[in-house]
Amino acid sequence: MILGSITVNPRVVRTHRSSYSVAGLRKVKTNRPFFAPSCALGIAACGFLFVFADILYIHEIFWALIISVTATVAASQVGLLEFVSRDLSTKQGDVIWGHYKTLDLYRDQIMPLITAAETGGSHE
């Protein structure tokens, strides 16, 4: 699942907002922006449960663990795809949110096109 759309061809990458020339892109990044914070919160919740386990009910411990694990697993699935411009060396305005593995597949499609554009080769 992707929030927005993306179409890749050898010369242009089209998103739901903009179109980018492959020759004008320096790199394409995918990352998981919520994963590290959710891991930190999950570890903090487990620490809280460990310290206060003697005064918490079993169902409170159970639900706190379930919520921590669910949040961490959900955060590991959310990703974003960013484009970095060759000319400006900055992030472009377009970021695509969606399922991390799907976005990573798009990144894997775009990177050989950028490499071919840099070397002057054809990747059609």
N, C-alpha and C. Protein backbone atom coordinates (compact mmCIF):
# COMPACT_ATOMS: atom_id res chain seq x y z
N MET A 1 0.84 -1.18 0.00
CA MET A 1 0.00 0.00 0.00
C MET A 1 0.88 1.24 0.00
N ILE A 2 0.54 2.17 -0.84
CA ILE A 2 1.27 3.43 -0.93
C ILE A 2 0.26 4.57 -0.83
N LEU A 3 0.61 5.59 -0.06
CA LEU A 3 -0.22 6.79 0.01
C LEU A 3 0.25 7.71 -1.11
N GLY A 4 -0.48 7.75 -2.17
CA GLY A 4 -0.07 8.46 -3.38
C GLY A 4 0.16 7.45 -4.49
N SER A 5 0.95 7.85 -5.47
CA SER A 5 1.24 6.93 -6.56
C SER A 5 2.65 7.20 -7.08
N ILE A 6 3.21 6.20 -7.74
CA ILE A 6 4.53 6.34 -8.34
C ILE A 6 4.58 5.49 -9.60
N THR A 7 5.13 6.07 -10.66
CA THR A 7 5.33 5.38 -11.92
C THR A 7 6.78 5.59 -12.33
N VAL A 8 7.45 4.49 -12.67
CA VAL A 8 8.87 4.56 -13.01
C VAL A 8 9.04 4.16 -14.47
N ASN A 9 9.73 5.02 -15.25
CA ASN A 9 10.17 4.64 -16.59
C ASN A 9 11.63 5.08 -16.73
N PRO A 10 12.33 4.70 -17.77
CA PRO A 10 13.77 4.95 -17.85
C PRO A 10 14.20 6.42 -17.80
N ARG A 11 13.32 7.34 -18.07
CA ARG A 11 13.72 8.75 -18.08
C ARG A 11 13.06 9.60 -17.01
N VAL A 12 11.88 9.21 -16.57
CA VAL A 12 11.11 10.04 -15.64
C VAL A 12 10.50 9.18 -14.54
N VAL A 13 10.53 9.72 -13.32
CA VAL A 13 9.82 9.12 -12.20
C VAL A 13 8.66 10.04 -11.88
N ARG A 14 7.44 9.52 -12.00
CA ARG A 14 6.25 10.33 -11.73
C ARG A 14 5.63 9.91 -10.40
N THR A 15 5.34 10.91 -9.59
CA THR A 15 4.64 10.66 -8.34
C THR A 15 3.29 11.34 -8.39
N HIS A 16 2.53 11.23 -7.31
CA HIS A 16 1.20 11.83 -7.28
C HIS A 16 1.26 13.36 -7.32
N ARG A 17 2.42 13.96 -6.98
CA ARG A 17 2.54 15.41 -6.99
C ARG A 17 3.40 15.96 -8.12
N SER A 18 4.51 15.27 -8.43
CA SER A 18 5.50 15.83 -9.34
C SER A 18 6.10 14.76 -10.24
N SER A 19 6.85 15.22 -11.23
CA SER A 19 7.63 14.34 -12.09
C SER A 19 9.08 14.73 -11.96
N TYR A 20 9.96 13.72 -11.93
CA TYR A 20 11.40 13.96 -11.76
C TYR A 20 12.15 13.31 -12.89
N SER A 21 13.06 14.06 -13.47
CA SER A 21 13.95 13.49 -14.47
C SER A 21 14.94 12.59 -13.75
N VAL A 22 15.14 11.38 -14.26
CA VAL A 22 16.08 10.44 -13.65
C VAL A 22 17.48 11.04 -13.65
N ALA A 23 17.82 11.78 -14.70
CA ALA A 23 19.15 12.40 -14.79
C ALA A 23 19.35 13.46 -13.72
N GLY A 24 18.28 14.04 -13.20
CA GLY A 24 18.38 15.08 -12.18
C GLY A 24 18.39 14.56 -10.76
N LEU A 25 18.23 13.26 -10.58
CA LEU A 25 18.23 12.69 -9.24
C LEU A 25 19.62 12.20 -8.87
N ARG A 26 20.03 12.43 -7.63
CA ARG A 26 21.30 11.92 -7.16
C ARG A 26 21.13 10.60 -6.44
N LYS A 27 20.11 10.52 -5.60
CA LYS A 27 19.82 9.25 -4.93
C LYS A 27 18.38 9.20 -4.49
N VAL A 28 17.96 8.01 -4.16
CA VAL A 28 16.62 7.75 -3.66
C VAL A 28 16.78 7.01 -2.35
N LYS A 29 16.12 7.49 -1.32
CA LYS A 29 16.27 6.89 0.00
C LYS A 29 14.95 6.31 0.48
N THR A 30 15.03 5.18 1.15
CA THR A 30 13.89 4.66 1.89
C THR A 30 14.31 4.54 3.34
N ASN A 31 13.41 4.86 4.24
CA ASN A 31 13.67 4.65 5.65
C ASN A 31 12.38 4.41 6.42
N ARG A 32 12.57 4.04 7.68
CA ARG A 32 11.45 3.77 8.59
C ARG A 32 11.48 4.83 9.69
N PRO A 33 10.77 5.93 9.51
CA PRO A 33 10.90 7.04 10.45
C PRO A 33 10.34 6.78 11.85
N PHE A 34 9.41 5.87 11.99
CA PHE A 34 8.79 5.64 13.29
C PHE A 34 9.38 4.44 14.03
N PHE A 35 10.29 3.71 13.41
CA PHE A 35 10.78 2.47 14.01
C PHE A 35 11.62 2.72 15.27
N ALA A 36 12.59 3.60 15.21
CA ALA A 36 13.45 3.86 16.38
C ALA A 36 12.65 4.42 17.56
N PRO A 37 11.77 5.41 17.35
CA PRO A 37 10.98 5.89 18.49
C PRO A 37 10.06 4.81 19.07
N SER A 38 9.48 3.97 18.23
CA SER A 38 8.59 2.93 18.76
C SER A 38 9.38 1.88 19.53
N CYS A 39 10.61 1.58 19.08
CA CYS A 39 11.46 0.65 19.84
C CYS A 39 11.82 1.24 21.20
N ALA A 40 12.15 2.52 21.22
CA ALA A 40 12.48 3.17 22.48
C ALA A 40 11.29 3.16 23.44
N LEU A 41 10.11 3.45 22.91
CA LEU A 41 8.91 3.42 23.76
C LEU A 41 8.59 2.00 24.22
N GLY A 42 8.81 1.03 23.36
CA GLY A 42 8.59 -0.37 23.75
C GLY A 42 9.53 -0.81 24.86
N ILE A 43 10.80 -0.42 24.76
CA ILE A 43 11.76 -0.76 25.81
C ILE A 43 11.41 -0.04 27.11
N ALA A 44 10.99 1.22 27.01
CA ALA A 44 10.58 1.96 28.20
C ALA A 44 9.36 1.32 28.85
N ALA A 45 8.41 0.88 28.04
CA ALA A 45 7.21 0.22 28.59
C ALA A 45 7.59 -1.08 29.29
N CYS A 46 8.51 -1.84 28.69
CA CYS A 46 8.95 -3.09 29.33
C CYS A 46 9.68 -2.81 30.63
N GLY A 47 10.47 -1.75 30.67
CA GLY A 47 11.14 -1.35 31.91
C GLY A 47 10.14 -0.96 32.98
N PHE A 48 9.11 -0.20 32.56
CA PHE A 48 8.05 0.18 33.50
C PHE A 48 7.35 -1.06 34.05
N LEU A 49 7.05 -2.00 33.18
CA LEU A 49 6.38 -3.23 33.62
C LEU A 49 7.26 -4.04 34.55
N PHE A 50 8.55 -4.08 34.28
CA PHE A 50 9.47 -4.83 35.14
C PHE A 50 9.53 -4.22 36.54
N VAL A 51 9.59 -2.88 36.60
CA VAL A 51 9.71 -2.20 37.89
C VAL A 51 8.41 -2.30 38.69
N PHE A 52 7.27 -2.17 38.03
CA PHE A 52 6.00 -2.13 38.74
C PHE A 52 5.18 -3.41 38.60
N ALA A 53 5.80 -4.50 38.22
CA ALA A 53 5.06 -5.75 38.00
C ALA A 53 4.37 -6.24 39.26
N ASP A 54 4.92 -5.95 40.41
CA ASP A 54 4.33 -6.44 41.65
C ASP A 54 3.03 -5.73 42.02
N ILE A 55 2.77 -4.53 41.47
CA ILE A 55 1.53 -3.84 41.81
C ILE A 55 0.55 -3.75 40.63
N LEU A 56 0.93 -4.32 39.50
CA LEU A 56 0.04 -4.31 38.33
C LEU A 56 -0.74 -5.62 38.24
N TYR A 57 -1.96 -5.52 37.73
CA TYR A 57 -2.74 -6.72 37.48
C TYR A 57 -2.21 -7.41 36.23
N ILE A 58 -2.50 -8.70 36.12
CA ILE A 58 -2.03 -9.48 34.97
C ILE A 58 -2.57 -8.92 33.67
N HIS A 59 -3.84 -8.54 33.63
CA HIS A 59 -4.39 -8.02 32.38
C HIS A 59 -3.75 -6.68 31.99
N GLU A 60 -3.32 -5.86 32.95
CA GLU A 60 -2.63 -4.62 32.64
C GLU A 60 -1.26 -4.89 32.03
N ILE A 61 -0.56 -5.86 32.58
CA ILE A 61 0.74 -6.26 32.02
C ILE A 61 0.56 -6.81 30.61
N PHE A 62 -0.43 -7.67 30.46
CA PHE A 62 -0.70 -8.28 29.15
C PHE A 62 -0.98 -7.22 28.09
N TRP A 63 -1.89 -6.28 28.37
CA TRP A 63 -2.25 -5.28 27.38
C TRP A 63 -1.11 -4.30 27.09
N ALA A 64 -0.33 -3.97 28.11
CA ALA A 64 0.82 -3.10 27.87
C ALA A 64 1.84 -3.78 26.95
N LEU A 65 2.07 -5.08 27.15
CA LEU A 65 2.99 -5.82 26.27
C LEU A 65 2.44 -5.91 24.86
N ILE A 66 1.16 -6.21 24.74
CA ILE A 66 0.53 -6.33 23.41
C ILE A 66 0.60 -5.00 22.66
N ILE A 67 0.31 -3.90 23.34
CA ILE A 67 0.34 -2.59 22.68
C ILE A 67 1.77 -2.24 22.28
N SER A 68 2.75 -2.52 23.13
CA SER A 68 4.16 -2.22 22.80
C SER A 68 4.63 -3.01 21.59
N VAL A 69 4.33 -4.30 21.56
CA VAL A 69 4.77 -5.15 20.45
C VAL A 69 4.04 -4.75 19.17
N THR A 70 2.75 -4.50 19.25
CA THR A 70 1.98 -4.11 18.07
C THR A 70 2.47 -2.78 17.49
N ALA A 71 2.76 -1.82 18.35
CA ALA A 71 3.25 -0.52 17.87
C ALA A 71 4.61 -0.68 17.18
N THR A 72 5.48 -1.51 17.74
CA THR A 72 6.80 -1.71 17.14
C THR A 72 6.70 -2.43 15.80
N VAL A 73 5.86 -3.45 15.73
CA VAL A 73 5.68 -4.17 14.46
C VAL A 73 5.05 -3.26 13.41
N ALA A 74 4.05 -2.48 13.80
CA ALA A 74 3.42 -1.56 12.85
C ALA A 74 4.41 -0.51 12.36
N ALA A 75 5.23 0.01 13.26
CA ALA A 75 6.21 1.02 12.87
C ALA A 75 7.27 0.46 11.94
N SER A 76 7.55 -0.83 12.06
CA SER A 76 8.55 -1.42 11.17
C SER A 76 8.02 -1.59 9.74
N GLN A 77 6.72 -1.51 9.56
CA GLN A 77 6.12 -1.68 8.25
C GLN A 77 5.92 -0.36 7.51
N VAL A 78 5.93 0.76 8.23
CA VAL A 78 5.70 2.07 7.62
C VAL A 78 7.03 2.64 7.14
N GLY A 79 7.06 3.10 5.90
CA GLY A 79 8.28 3.67 5.36
C GLY A 79 7.99 4.90 4.53
N LEU A 80 9.07 5.57 4.15
CA LEU A 80 8.92 6.68 3.23
C LEU A 80 10.04 6.65 2.20
N LEU A 81 9.72 7.15 1.03
CA LEU A 81 10.64 7.19 -0.11
C LEU A 81 10.91 8.66 -0.40
N GLU A 82 12.21 9.04 -0.38
CA GLU A 82 12.60 10.42 -0.61
C GLU A 82 13.51 10.51 -1.83
N PHE A 83 13.39 11.61 -2.55
CA PHE A 83 14.25 11.86 -3.70
C PHE A 83 15.24 12.96 -3.34
N VAL A 84 16.52 12.78 -3.69
CA VAL A 84 17.54 13.79 -3.45
C VAL A 84 18.02 14.29 -4.82
N SER A 85 17.99 15.61 -5.00
CA SER A 85 18.33 16.23 -6.28
C SER A 85 19.83 16.28 -6.50
N ARG A 86 20.24 16.05 -7.72
CA ARG A 86 21.65 16.15 -8.10
C ARG A 86 22.11 17.62 -8.07
N ASP A 87 21.27 18.52 -8.52
CA ASP A 87 21.66 19.92 -8.65
C ASP A 87 21.72 20.64 -7.30
N LEU A 88 20.73 20.42 -6.47
CA LEU A 88 20.63 21.18 -5.23
C LEU A 88 21.23 20.46 -4.02
N SER A 89 21.48 19.17 -4.15
CA SER A 89 21.98 18.35 -3.04
C SER A 89 21.06 18.45 -1.82
N THR A 90 19.79 18.61 -2.08
CA THR A 90 18.82 18.67 -0.99
C THR A 90 17.68 17.73 -1.31
N LYS A 91 16.87 17.48 -0.30
CA LYS A 91 15.70 16.65 -0.51
C LYS A 91 14.71 17.39 -1.39
N GLN A 92 14.09 16.66 -2.27
CA GLN A 92 13.01 17.23 -3.07
C GLN A 92 11.78 17.35 -2.17
N GLY A 93 10.80 18.06 -2.65
CA GLY A 93 9.60 18.26 -1.87
C GLY A 93 8.70 17.04 -1.78
N ASP A 94 8.94 16.06 -2.61
CA ASP A 94 8.04 14.92 -2.67
C ASP A 94 8.55 13.75 -1.84
N VAL A 95 7.73 13.32 -0.95
CA VAL A 95 8.01 12.15 -0.14
C VAL A 95 6.79 11.25 -0.25
N ILE A 96 7.02 9.98 -0.47
CA ILE A 96 5.92 9.04 -0.61
C ILE A 96 5.91 8.13 0.60
N TRP A 97 4.78 8.05 1.27
CA TRP A 97 4.61 7.18 2.43
C TRP A 97 3.95 5.89 1.99
N GLY A 98 4.28 4.80 2.65
CA GLY A 98 3.64 3.53 2.35
C GLY A 98 4.30 2.37 3.04
N HIS A 99 4.02 1.18 2.56
CA HIS A 99 4.59 -0.05 3.09
C HIS A 99 6.08 -0.08 2.74
N TYR A 100 6.94 -0.30 3.72
CA TYR A 100 8.38 -0.18 3.53
C TYR A 100 8.90 -1.09 2.42
N LYS A 101 8.49 -2.34 2.39
CA LYS A 101 9.02 -3.27 1.39
C LYS A 101 8.59 -2.87 -0.02
N THR A 102 7.39 -2.36 -0.18
CA THR A 102 6.94 -1.90 -1.50
C THR A 102 7.76 -0.70 -1.96
N LEU A 103 7.99 0.24 -1.06
CA LEU A 103 8.79 1.41 -1.41
C LEU A 103 10.23 1.01 -1.72
N ASP A 104 10.75 0.03 -1.00
CA ASP A 104 12.11 -0.44 -1.25
C ASP A 104 12.22 -1.08 -2.63
N LEU A 105 11.16 -1.74 -3.09
CA LEU A 105 11.16 -2.30 -4.45
C LEU A 105 11.21 -1.19 -5.49
N TYR A 106 10.48 -0.10 -5.26
CA TYR A 106 10.55 1.05 -6.17
C TYR A 106 11.94 1.66 -6.17
N ARG A 107 12.55 1.77 -5.00
CA ARG A 107 13.92 2.29 -4.92
C ARG A 107 14.87 1.41 -5.73
N ASP A 108 14.68 0.09 -5.61
CA ASP A 108 15.52 -0.84 -6.38
C ASP A 108 15.30 -0.70 -7.89
N GLN A 109 14.14 -0.25 -8.31
CA GLN A 109 13.89 0.00 -9.74
C GLN A 109 14.53 1.30 -10.20
N ILE A 110 14.55 2.31 -9.33
CA ILE A 110 15.02 3.63 -9.72
C ILE A 110 16.55 3.74 -9.69
N MET A 111 17.20 3.13 -8.73
CA MET A 111 18.65 3.29 -8.57
C MET A 111 19.46 2.86 -9.81
N PRO A 112 19.15 1.73 -10.46
CA PRO A 112 19.90 1.41 -11.70
C PRO A 112 19.69 2.45 -12.80
N LEU A 113 18.53 3.07 -12.84
CA LEU A 113 18.28 4.12 -13.83
C LEU A 113 19.15 5.34 -13.55
N ILE A 114 19.30 5.69 -12.27
CA ILE A 114 20.16 6.82 -11.90
C ILE A 114 21.61 6.50 -12.26
N THR A 115 22.05 5.28 -11.96
CA THR A 115 23.41 4.87 -12.28
C THR A 115 23.65 4.91 -13.79
N ALA A 116 22.68 4.44 -14.56
CA ALA A 116 22.82 4.46 -16.02
C ALA A 116 22.86 5.89 -16.53
N ALA A 117 22.09 6.78 -15.93
CA ALA A 117 22.10 8.19 -16.35
C ALA A 117 23.44 8.84 -16.02
N GLU A 118 24.04 8.46 -14.88
CA GLU A 118 25.34 9.02 -14.50
C GLU A 118 26.45 8.57 -15.43
N THR A 119 26.40 7.30 -15.83
CA THR A 119 27.46 6.76 -16.67
C THR A 119 27.21 6.98 -18.16
N GLY A 120 26.04 7.48 -18.48
CA GLY A 120 25.69 7.74 -19.88
C GLY A 120 25.19 6.51 -20.59
N GLY A 121 25.00 5.44 -19.85
CA GLY A 121 24.51 4.19 -20.45
C GLY A 121 23.01 4.21 -20.63
N SER A 122 22.55 3.21 -21.30
CA SER A 122 21.11 3.07 -21.55
C SER A 122 20.58 1.92 -20.72
N HIS A 123 19.46 2.13 -20.08
CA HIS A 123 18.85 1.09 -19.25
C HIS A 123 17.39 0.96 -19.63
N GLU A 124 17.13 0.62 -20.86
CA GLU A 124 15.73 0.55 -21.33
C GLU A 124 15.25 -0.82 -21.49
